[in-house]
Amino acid sequence: MKTAGEFMEDLSIRVLRMFGEMDSHRLDLHVLFEAAGNEPSEREKLLSVIEELRREGLIEERGGDFYALTEKGEQLLSASQPS
């Protein structure tokens, strides 16, 4: 079983990958909720992950419920893709 930290790390990667999967540098919070699934507790964790990604400079708020992938986020995402 995964620890809370491992789950959060996995969720962070899933959130970042959502930008690539949707082929967009700007996504609505409702789209990002898809990374967490349907469980309310997991969606709450997603909000924590989004805040962590924002603090680390990987995504930035773009008003309303929109978030954008930063250049730092793009670099991390590119580095995590298999060659």
PDB file of N, CA and C in Angstrom:
ATOM      1  N   MET A   1       0.832  -1.180   0.000  1.00  0.00           N
ATOM      2  CA  MET A   1       0.000   0.000   0.000  1.00  0.00           C
ATOM      3  C   MET A   1       0.882   1.250   0.000  1.00  0.00           C
ATOM      4  N   LYS A   2       0.447   2.262  -0.764  1.00  0.00           N
ATOM      5  CA  LYS A   2       1.228   3.485  -0.864  1.00  0.00           C
ATOM      6  C   LYS A   2       1.039   4.349   0.371  1.00  0.00           C
ATOM      7  N   THR A   3       2.130   5.045   0.722  1.00  0.00           N
ATOM      8  CA  THR A   3       2.026   6.013   1.805  1.00  0.00           C
ATOM      9  C   THR A   3       1.360   7.272   1.261  1.00  0.00           C
ATOM     10  N   ALA A   4       0.934   8.156   2.153  1.00  0.00           N
ATOM     11  CA  ALA A   4       0.303   9.413   1.724  1.00  0.00           C
ATOM     12  C   ALA A   4       1.263  10.214   0.848  1.00  0.00           C
ATOM     13  N   GLY A   5       2.542  10.219   1.202  1.00  0.00           N
ATOM     14  CA  GLY A   5       3.541  10.950   0.414  1.00  0.00           C
ATOM     15  C   GLY A   5       3.690  10.394  -0.990  1.00  0.00           C
ATOM     16  N   GLU A   6       3.696   9.072  -1.107  1.00  0.00           N
ATOM     17  CA  GLU A   6       3.803   8.446  -2.433  1.00  0.00           C
ATOM     18  C   GLU A   6       2.562   8.731  -3.260  1.00  0.00           C
ATOM     19  N   PHE A   7       1.397   8.695  -2.630  1.00  0.00           N
ATOM     20  CA  PHE A   7       0.161   8.992  -3.348  1.00  0.00           C
ATOM     21  C   PHE A   7       0.187  10.425  -3.856  1.00  0.00           C
ATOM     22  N   MET A   8       0.631  11.350  -3.000  1.00  0.00           N
ATOM     23  CA  MET A   8       0.684  12.753  -3.391  1.00  0.00           C
ATOM     24  C   MET A   8       1.666  12.942  -4.538  1.00  0.00           C
ATOM     25  N   GLU A   9       2.805  12.243  -4.501  1.00  0.00           N
ATOM     26  CA  GLU A   9       3.798  12.345  -5.569  1.00  0.00           C
ATOM     27  C   GLU A   9       3.201  11.812  -6.875  1.00  0.00           C
ATOM     28  N   ASP A  10       2.554  10.662  -6.819  1.00  0.00           N
ATOM     29  CA  ASP A  10       1.909  10.099  -8.006  1.00  0.00           C
ATOM     30  C   ASP A  10       0.857  11.058  -8.551  1.00  0.00           C
ATOM     31  N   LEU A  11       0.093  11.650  -7.669  1.00  0.00           N
ATOM     32  CA  LEU A  11      -0.955  12.570  -8.069  1.00  0.00           C
ATOM     33  C   LEU A  11      -0.344  13.822  -8.700  1.00  0.00           C
ATOM     34  N   SER A  12       0.773  14.283  -8.174  1.00  0.00           N
ATOM     35  CA  SER A  12       1.467  15.448  -8.745  1.00  0.00           C
ATOM     36  C   SER A  12       1.865  15.174 -10.193  1.00  0.00           C
ATOM     37  N   ILE A  13       2.428  14.016 -10.437  1.00  0.00           N
ATOM     38  CA  ILE A  13       2.830  13.634 -11.796  1.00  0.00           C
ATOM     39  C   ILE A  13       1.610  13.525 -12.690  1.00  0.00           C
ATOM     40  N   ARG A  14       0.524  12.941 -12.190  1.00  0.00           N
ATOM     41  CA  ARG A  14      -0.699  12.816 -12.996  1.00  0.00           C
ATOM     42  C   ARG A  14      -1.255  14.183 -13.363  1.00  0.00           C
ATOM     43  N   VAL A  15      -1.213  15.116 -12.415  1.00  0.00           N
ATOM     44  CA  VAL A  15      -1.699  16.472 -12.697  1.00  0.00           C
ATOM     45  C   VAL A  15      -0.853  17.103 -13.800  1.00  0.00           C
ATOM     46  N   LEU A  16       0.461  17.021 -13.679  1.00  0.00           N
ATOM     47  CA  LEU A  16       1.329  17.598 -14.706  1.00  0.00           C
ATOM     48  C   LEU A  16       1.108  16.938 -16.061  1.00  0.00           C
ATOM     49  N   ARG A  17       0.921  15.635 -16.065  1.00  0.00           N
ATOM     50  CA  ARG A  17       0.699  14.923 -17.333  1.00  0.00           C
ATOM     51  C   ARG A  17      -0.631  15.302 -17.983  1.00  0.00           C
ATOM     52  N   MET A  18      -1.604  15.731 -17.172  1.00  0.00           N
ATOM     53  CA  MET A  18      -2.899  16.153 -17.724  1.00  0.00           C
ATOM     54  C   MET A  18      -2.713  17.275 -18.747  1.00  0.00           C
ATOM     55  N   PHE A  19      -1.758  18.162 -18.489  1.00  0.00           N
ATOM     56  CA  PHE A  19      -1.515  19.253 -19.434  1.00  0.00           C
ATOM     57  C   PHE A  19      -1.084  18.700 -20.791  1.00  0.00           C
ATOM     58  N   GLY A  20      -0.205  17.694 -20.783  1.00  0.00           N
ATOM     59  CA  GLY A  20       0.227  17.079 -22.029  1.00  0.00           C
ATOM     60  C   GLY A  20      -0.874  16.277 -22.696  1.00  0.00           C
ATOM     61  N   GLU A  21      -1.613  15.528 -21.897  1.00  0.00           N
ATOM     62  CA  GLU A  21      -2.687  14.699 -22.454  1.00  0.00           C
ATOM     63  C   GLU A  21      -3.775  15.555 -23.091  1.00  0.00           C
ATOM     64  N   MET A  22      -4.037  16.716 -22.510  1.00  0.00           N
ATOM     65  CA  MET A  22      -5.062  17.607 -23.048  1.00  0.00           C
ATOM     66  C   MET A  22      -4.471  18.557 -24.098  1.00  0.00           C
ATOM     67  N   ASP A  23      -3.149  18.447 -24.315  1.00  0.00           N
ATOM     68  CA  ASP A  23      -2.435  19.281 -25.271  1.00  0.00           C
ATOM     69  C   ASP A  23      -2.721  20.760 -25.033  1.00  0.00           C
ATOM     70  N   SER A  24      -2.595  21.144 -23.758  1.00  0.00           N
ATOM     71  CA  SER A  24      -2.893  22.516 -23.377  1.00  0.00           C
ATOM     72  C   SER A  24      -1.954  22.951 -22.260  1.00  0.00           C
ATOM     73  N   HIS A  25      -1.584  24.223 -22.274  1.00  0.00           N
ATOM     74  CA  HIS A  25      -0.762  24.769 -21.198  1.00  0.00           C
ATOM     75  C   HIS A  25      -1.628  25.433 -20.139  1.00  0.00           C
ATOM     76  N   ARG A  26      -2.952  25.431 -20.354  1.00  0.00           N
ATOM     77  CA  ARG A  26      -3.883  26.067 -19.415  1.00  0.00           C
ATOM     78  C   ARG A  26      -5.091  25.149 -19.244  1.00  0.00           C
ATOM     79  N   LEU A  27      -5.358  24.756 -17.992  1.00  0.00           N
ATOM     80  CA  LEU A  27      -6.473  23.848 -17.717  1.00  0.00           C
ATOM     81  C   LEU A  27      -7.339  24.366 -16.582  1.00  0.00           C
ATOM     82  N   ASP A  28      -8.596  24.024 -16.657  1.00  0.00           N
ATOM     83  CA  ASP A  28      -9.589  24.351 -15.648  1.00  0.00           C
ATOM     84  C   ASP A  28      -9.464  23.353 -14.495  1.00  0.00           C
ATOM     85  N   LEU A  29      -9.755  23.793 -13.301  1.00  0.00           N
ATOM     86  CA  LEU A  29      -9.692  22.931 -12.119  1.00  0.00           C
ATOM     87  C   LEU A  29     -10.551  21.681 -12.289  1.00  0.00           C
ATOM     88  N   HIS A  30     -11.689  21.816 -12.949  1.00  0.00           N
ATOM     89  CA  HIS A  30     -12.577  20.664 -13.131  1.00  0.00           C
ATOM     90  C   HIS A  30     -11.920  19.577 -13.980  1.00  0.00           C
ATOM     91  N   VAL A  31     -11.114  19.965 -14.950  1.00  0.00           N
ATOM     92  CA  VAL A  31     -10.372  18.991 -15.757  1.00  0.00           C
ATOM     93  C   VAL A  31      -9.308  18.327 -14.886  1.00  0.00           C
ATOM     94  N   LEU A  32      -8.642  19.115 -14.062  1.00  0.00           N
ATOM     95  CA  LEU A  32      -7.601  18.568 -13.192  1.00  0.00           C
ATOM     96  C   LEU A  32      -8.168  17.592 -12.165  1.00  0.00           C
ATOM     97  N   PHE A  33      -9.424  17.781 -11.775  1.00  0.00           N
ATOM     98  CA  PHE A  33     -10.056  16.844 -10.846  1.00  0.00           C
ATOM     99  C   PHE A  33     -10.083  15.427 -11.414  1.00  0.00           C
ATOM    100  N   GLU A  34     -10.053  15.282 -12.726  1.00  0.00           N
ATOM    101  CA  GLU A  34     -10.046  13.961 -13.343  1.00  0.00           C
ATOM    102  C   GLU A  34      -8.826  13.149 -12.929  1.00  0.00           C
ATOM    103  N   ALA A  35      -7.733  13.822 -12.609  1.00  0.00           N
ATOM    104  CA  ALA A  35      -6.516  13.131 -12.179  1.00  0.00           C
ATOM    105  C   ALA A  35      -6.709  12.443 -10.834  1.00  0.00           C
ATOM    106  N   ALA A  36      -7.645  12.952 -10.035  1.00  0.00           N
ATOM    107  CA  ALA A  36      -7.870  12.408  -8.698  1.00  0.00           C
ATOM    108  C   ALA A  36      -8.913  11.307  -8.662  1.00  0.00           C
ATOM    109  N   GLY A  37      -9.804  11.288  -9.624  1.00  0.00           N
ATOM    110  CA  GLY A  37     -10.880  10.299  -9.589  1.00  0.00           C
ATOM    111  C   GLY A  37     -12.129  10.888  -8.968  1.00  0.00           C
ATOM    112  N   ASN A  38     -13.037  10.018  -8.567  1.00  0.00           N
ATOM    113  CA  ASN A  38     -14.346  10.468  -8.099  1.00  0.00           C
ATOM    114  C   ASN A  38     -14.500  10.574  -6.591  1.00  0.00           C
ATOM    115  N   GLU A  39     -13.552  10.061  -5.839  1.00  0.00           N
ATOM    116  CA  GLU A  39     -13.666  10.079  -4.383  1.00  0.00           C
ATOM    117  C   GLU A  39     -13.442  11.486  -3.829  1.00  0.00           C
ATOM    118  N   PRO A  40     -14.364  11.978  -3.001  1.00  0.00           N
ATOM    119  CA  PRO A  40     -14.199  13.321  -2.418  1.00  0.00           C
ATOM    120  C   PRO A  40     -12.877  13.492  -1.665  1.00  0.00           C
ATOM    121  N   SER A  41     -12.434  12.474  -0.960  1.00  0.00           N
ATOM    122  CA  SER A  41     -11.178  12.587  -0.206  1.00  0.00           C
ATOM    123  C   SER A  41      -9.982  12.754  -1.142  1.00  0.00           C
ATOM    124  N   GLU A  42     -10.024  12.072  -2.287  1.00  0.00           N
ATOM    125  CA  GLU A  42      -8.929  12.205  -3.250  1.00  0.00           C
ATOM    126  C   GLU A  42      -8.965  13.571  -3.919  1.00  0.00           C
ATOM    127  N   ARG A  43     -10.150  14.102  -4.128  1.00  0.00           N
ATOM    128  CA  ARG A  43     -10.261  15.442  -4.704  1.00  0.00           C
ATOM    129  C   ARG A  43      -9.739  16.494  -3.724  1.00  0.00           C
ATOM    130  N   GLU A  44      -9.932  16.273  -2.447  1.00  0.00           N
ATOM    131  CA  GLU A  44      -9.363  17.176  -1.441  1.00  0.00           C
ATOM    132  C   GLU A  44      -7.836  17.128  -1.503  1.00  0.00           C
ATOM    133  N   LYS A  45      -7.288  15.931  -1.650  1.00  0.00           N
ATOM    134  CA  LYS A  45      -5.836  15.783  -1.770  1.00  0.00           C
ATOM    135  C   LYS A  45      -5.338  16.498  -3.021  1.00  0.00           C
ATOM    136  N   LEU A  46      -6.145  16.453  -4.078  1.00  0.00           N
ATOM    137  CA  LEU A  46      -5.760  17.120  -5.320  1.00  0.00           C
ATOM    138  C   LEU A  46      -5.564  18.615  -5.088  1.00  0.00           C
ATOM    139  N   LEU A  47      -6.430  19.221  -4.301  1.00  0.00           N
ATOM    140  CA  LEU A  47      -6.284  20.647  -4.016  1.00  0.00           C
ATOM    141  C   LEU A  47      -4.960  20.926  -3.311  1.00  0.00           C
ATOM    142  N   SER A  48      -4.550  20.038  -2.413  1.00  0.00           N
ATOM    143  CA  SER A  48      -3.253  20.178  -1.742  1.00  0.00           C
ATOM    144  C   SER A  48      -2.112  20.032  -2.742  1.00  0.00           C
ATOM    145  N   VAL A  49      -2.254  19.084  -3.653  1.00  0.00           N
ATOM    146  CA  VAL A  49      -1.225  18.859  -4.677  1.00  0.00           C
ATOM    147  C   VAL A  49      -1.110  20.084  -5.580  1.00  0.00           C
ATOM    148  N   ILE A  50      -2.243  20.642  -5.985  1.00  0.00           N
ATOM    149  CA  ILE A  50      -2.220  21.832  -6.837  1.00  0.00           C
ATOM    150  C   ILE A  50      -1.515  22.981  -6.122  1.00  0.00           C
ATOM    151  N   GLU A  51      -1.803  23.163  -4.845  1.00  0.00           N
ATOM    152  CA  GLU A  51      -1.141  24.226  -4.080  1.00  0.00           C
ATOM    153  C   GLU A  51       0.366  23.966  -3.994  1.00  0.00           C
ATOM    154  N   GLU A  52       0.751  22.711  -3.789  1.00  0.00           N
ATOM    155  CA  GLU A  52       2.174  22.362  -3.722  1.00  0.00           C
ATOM    156  C   GLU A  52       2.859  22.634  -5.062  1.00  0.00           C
ATOM    157  N   LEU A  53       2.228  22.230  -6.157  1.00  0.00           N
ATOM    158  CA  LEU A  53       2.790  22.474  -7.489  1.00  0.00           C
ATOM    159  C   LEU A  53       2.913  23.972  -7.758  1.00  0.00           C
ATOM    160  N   ARG A  54       1.945  24.739  -7.290  1.00  0.00           N
ATOM    161  CA  ARG A  54       1.991  26.192  -7.453  1.00  0.00           C
ATOM    162  C   ARG A  54       3.149  26.794  -6.660  1.00  0.00           C
ATOM    163  N   ARG A  55       3.309  26.353  -5.414  1.00  0.00           N
ATOM    164  CA  ARG A  55       4.411  26.851  -4.570  1.00  0.00           C
ATOM    165  C   ARG A  55       5.765  26.510  -5.175  1.00  0.00           C
ATOM    166  N   GLU A  56       5.864  25.345  -5.796  1.00  0.00           N
ATOM    167  CA  GLU A  56       7.136  24.919  -6.392  1.00  0.00           C
ATOM    168  C   GLU A  56       7.390  25.571  -7.752  1.00  0.00           C
ATOM    169  N   GLY A  57       6.413  26.347  -8.234  1.00  0.00           N
ATOM    170  CA  GLY A  57       6.593  27.049  -9.506  1.00  0.00           C
ATOM    171  C   GLY A  57       6.381  26.187 -10.728  1.00  0.00           C
ATOM    172  N   LEU A  58       5.696  25.054 -10.570  1.00  0.00           N
ATOM    173  CA  LEU A  58       5.459  24.148 -11.704  1.00  0.00           C
ATOM    174  C   LEU A  58       4.178  24.496 -12.453  1.00  0.00           C
ATOM    175  N   ILE A  59       3.232  25.091 -11.739  1.00  0.00           N
ATOM    176  CA  ILE A  59       2.008  25.614 -12.351  1.00  0.00           C
ATOM    177  C   ILE A  59       1.755  26.984 -11.737  1.00  0.00           C
ATOM    178  N   GLU A  60       0.917  27.774 -12.417  1.00  0.00           N
ATOM    179  CA  GLU A  60       0.562  29.078 -11.869  1.00  0.00           C
ATOM    180  C   GLU A  60      -0.916  29.331 -12.064  1.00  0.00           C
ATOM    181  N   GLU A  61      -1.491  30.110 -11.157  1.00  0.00           N
ATOM    182  CA  GLU A  61      -2.903  30.458 -11.265  1.00  0.00           C
ATOM    183  C   GLU A  61      -3.081  31.432 -12.415  1.00  0.00           C
ATOM    184  N   ARG A  62      -4.181  31.251 -13.138  1.00  0.00           N
ATOM    185  CA  ARG A  62      -4.475  32.138 -14.259  1.00  0.00           C
ATOM    186  C   ARG A  62      -5.860  32.759 -14.133  1.00  0.00           C
ATOM    187  N   GLY A  63      -6.340  32.909 -12.924  1.00  0.00           N
ATOM    188  CA  GLY A  63      -7.636  33.525 -12.696  1.00  0.00           C
ATOM    189  C   GLY A  63      -8.755  32.507 -12.722  1.00  0.00           C
ATOM    190  N   GLY A  64      -9.758  32.763 -11.923  1.00  0.00           N
ATOM    191  CA  GLY A  64     -10.865  31.821 -11.830  1.00  0.00           C
ATOM    192  C   GLY A  64     -10.356  30.479 -11.348  1.00  0.00           C
ATOM    193  N   ASP A  65     -10.761  29.437 -12.025  1.00  0.00           N
ATOM    194  CA  ASP A  65     -10.329  28.081 -11.683  1.00  0.00           C
ATOM    195  C   ASP A  65      -9.292  27.557 -12.670  1.00  0.00           C
ATOM    196  N   PHE A  66      -8.573  28.450 -13.341  1.00  0.00           N
ATOM    197  CA  PHE A  66      -7.619  28.021 -14.350  1.00  0.00           C
ATOM    198  C   PHE A  66      -6.189  28.038 -13.825  1.00  0.00           C
ATOM    199  N   TYR A  67      -5.429  27.051 -14.291  1.00  0.00           N
ATOM    200  CA  TYR A  67      -4.021  26.930 -13.954  1.00  0.00           C
ATOM    201  C   TYR A  67      -3.239  26.698 -15.239  1.00  0.00           C
ATOM    202  N   ALA A  68      -2.015  27.215 -15.252  1.00  0.00           N
ATOM    203  CA  ALA A  68      -1.167  27.070 -16.422  1.00  0.00           C
ATOM    204  C   ALA A  68       0.134  26.386 -16.025  1.00  0.00           C
ATOM    205  N   LEU A  69       0.635  25.581 -16.927  1.00  0.00           N
ATOM    206  CA  LEU A  69       1.919  24.924 -16.739  1.00  0.00           C
ATOM    207  C   LEU A  69       3.013  25.964 -16.978  1.00  0.00           C
ATOM    208  N   THR A  70       3.958  26.072 -16.075  1.00  0.00           N
ATOM    209  CA  THR A  70       5.058  27.022 -16.235  1.00  0.00           C
ATOM    210  C   THR A  70       6.177  26.366 -17.047  1.00  0.00           C
ATOM    211  N   GLU A  71       7.165  27.166 -17.403  1.00  0.00           N
ATOM    212  CA  GLU A  71       8.319  26.624 -18.124  1.00  0.00           C
ATOM    213  C   GLU A  71       9.023  25.561 -17.271  1.00  0.00           C
ATOM    214  N   LYS A  72       9.124  25.821 -15.979  1.00  0.00           N
ATOM    215  CA  LYS A  72       9.735  24.850 -15.056  1.00  0.00           C
ATOM    216  C   LYS A  72       8.921  23.552 -15.057  1.00  0.00           C
ATOM    217  N   GLY A  73       7.596  23.667 -15.057  1.00  0.00           N
ATOM    218  CA  GLY A  73       6.729  22.490 -15.109  1.00  0.00           C
ATOM    219  C   GLY A  73       6.894  21.733 -16.416  1.00  0.00           C
ATOM    220  N   GLU A  74       7.005  22.468 -17.524  1.00  0.00           N
ATOM    221  CA  GLU A  74       7.204  21.834 -18.826  1.00  0.00           C
ATOM    222  C   GLU A  74       8.506  21.045 -18.854  1.00  0.00           C
ATOM    223  N   GLN A  75       9.562  21.635 -18.287  1.00  0.00           N
ATOM    224  CA  GLN A  75      10.863  20.965 -18.260  1.00  0.00           C
ATOM    225  C   GLN A  75      10.800  19.680 -17.436  1.00  0.00           C
ATOM    226  N   LEU A  76      10.162  19.750 -16.279  1.00  0.00           N
ATOM    227  CA  LEU A  76      10.034  18.562 -15.436  1.00  0.00           C
ATOM    228  C   LEU A  76       9.229  17.483 -16.138  1.00  0.00           C
ATOM    229  N   LEU A  77       8.153  17.886 -16.788  1.00  0.00           N
ATOM    230  CA  LEU A  77       7.299  16.946 -17.497  1.00  0.00           C
ATOM    231  C   LEU A  77       8.059  16.293 -18.650  1.00  0.00           C
ATOM    232  N   SER A  78       8.828  17.085 -19.391  1.00  0.00           N
ATOM    233  CA  SER A  78       9.621  16.542 -20.503  1.00  0.00           C
ATOM    234  C   SER A  78      10.668  15.559 -19.995  1.00  0.00           C
ATOM    235  N   ALA A  79      11.290  15.892 -18.858  1.00  0.00           N
ATOM    236  CA  ALA A  79      12.324  15.033 -18.283  1.00  0.00           C
ATOM    237  C   ALA A  79      11.757  13.723 -17.779  1.00  0.00           C
ATOM    238  N   SER A  80      10.463  13.705 -17.405  1.00  0.00           N
ATOM    239  CA  SER A  80       9.863  12.492 -16.850  1.00  0.00           C
ATOM    240  C   SER A  80       9.282  11.578 -17.934  1.00  0.00           C
ATOM    241  N   GLN A  81       9.279  12.055 -19.188  1.00  0.00           N
ATOM    242  CA  GLN A  81       8.750  11.235 -20.289  1.00  0.00           C
ATOM    243  C   GLN A  81       9.800  10.199 -20.692  1.00  0.00           C
ATOM    244  N   PRO A  82       9.366   8.968 -20.958  1.00  0.00           N
ATOM    245  CA  PRO A  82      10.316   7.955 -21.408  1.00  0.00           C
ATOM    246  C   PRO A  82      10.881   8.320 -22.775  1.00  0.00           C
ATOM    247  N   SER A  83      12.139   8.012 -22.978  1.00  0.00           N
ATOM    248  CA  SER A  83      12.805   8.344 -24.258  1.00  0.00           C
ATOM    249  C   SER A  83      12.511   7.316 -25.306  1.00  0.00           C
TER     250      SER A  83
END
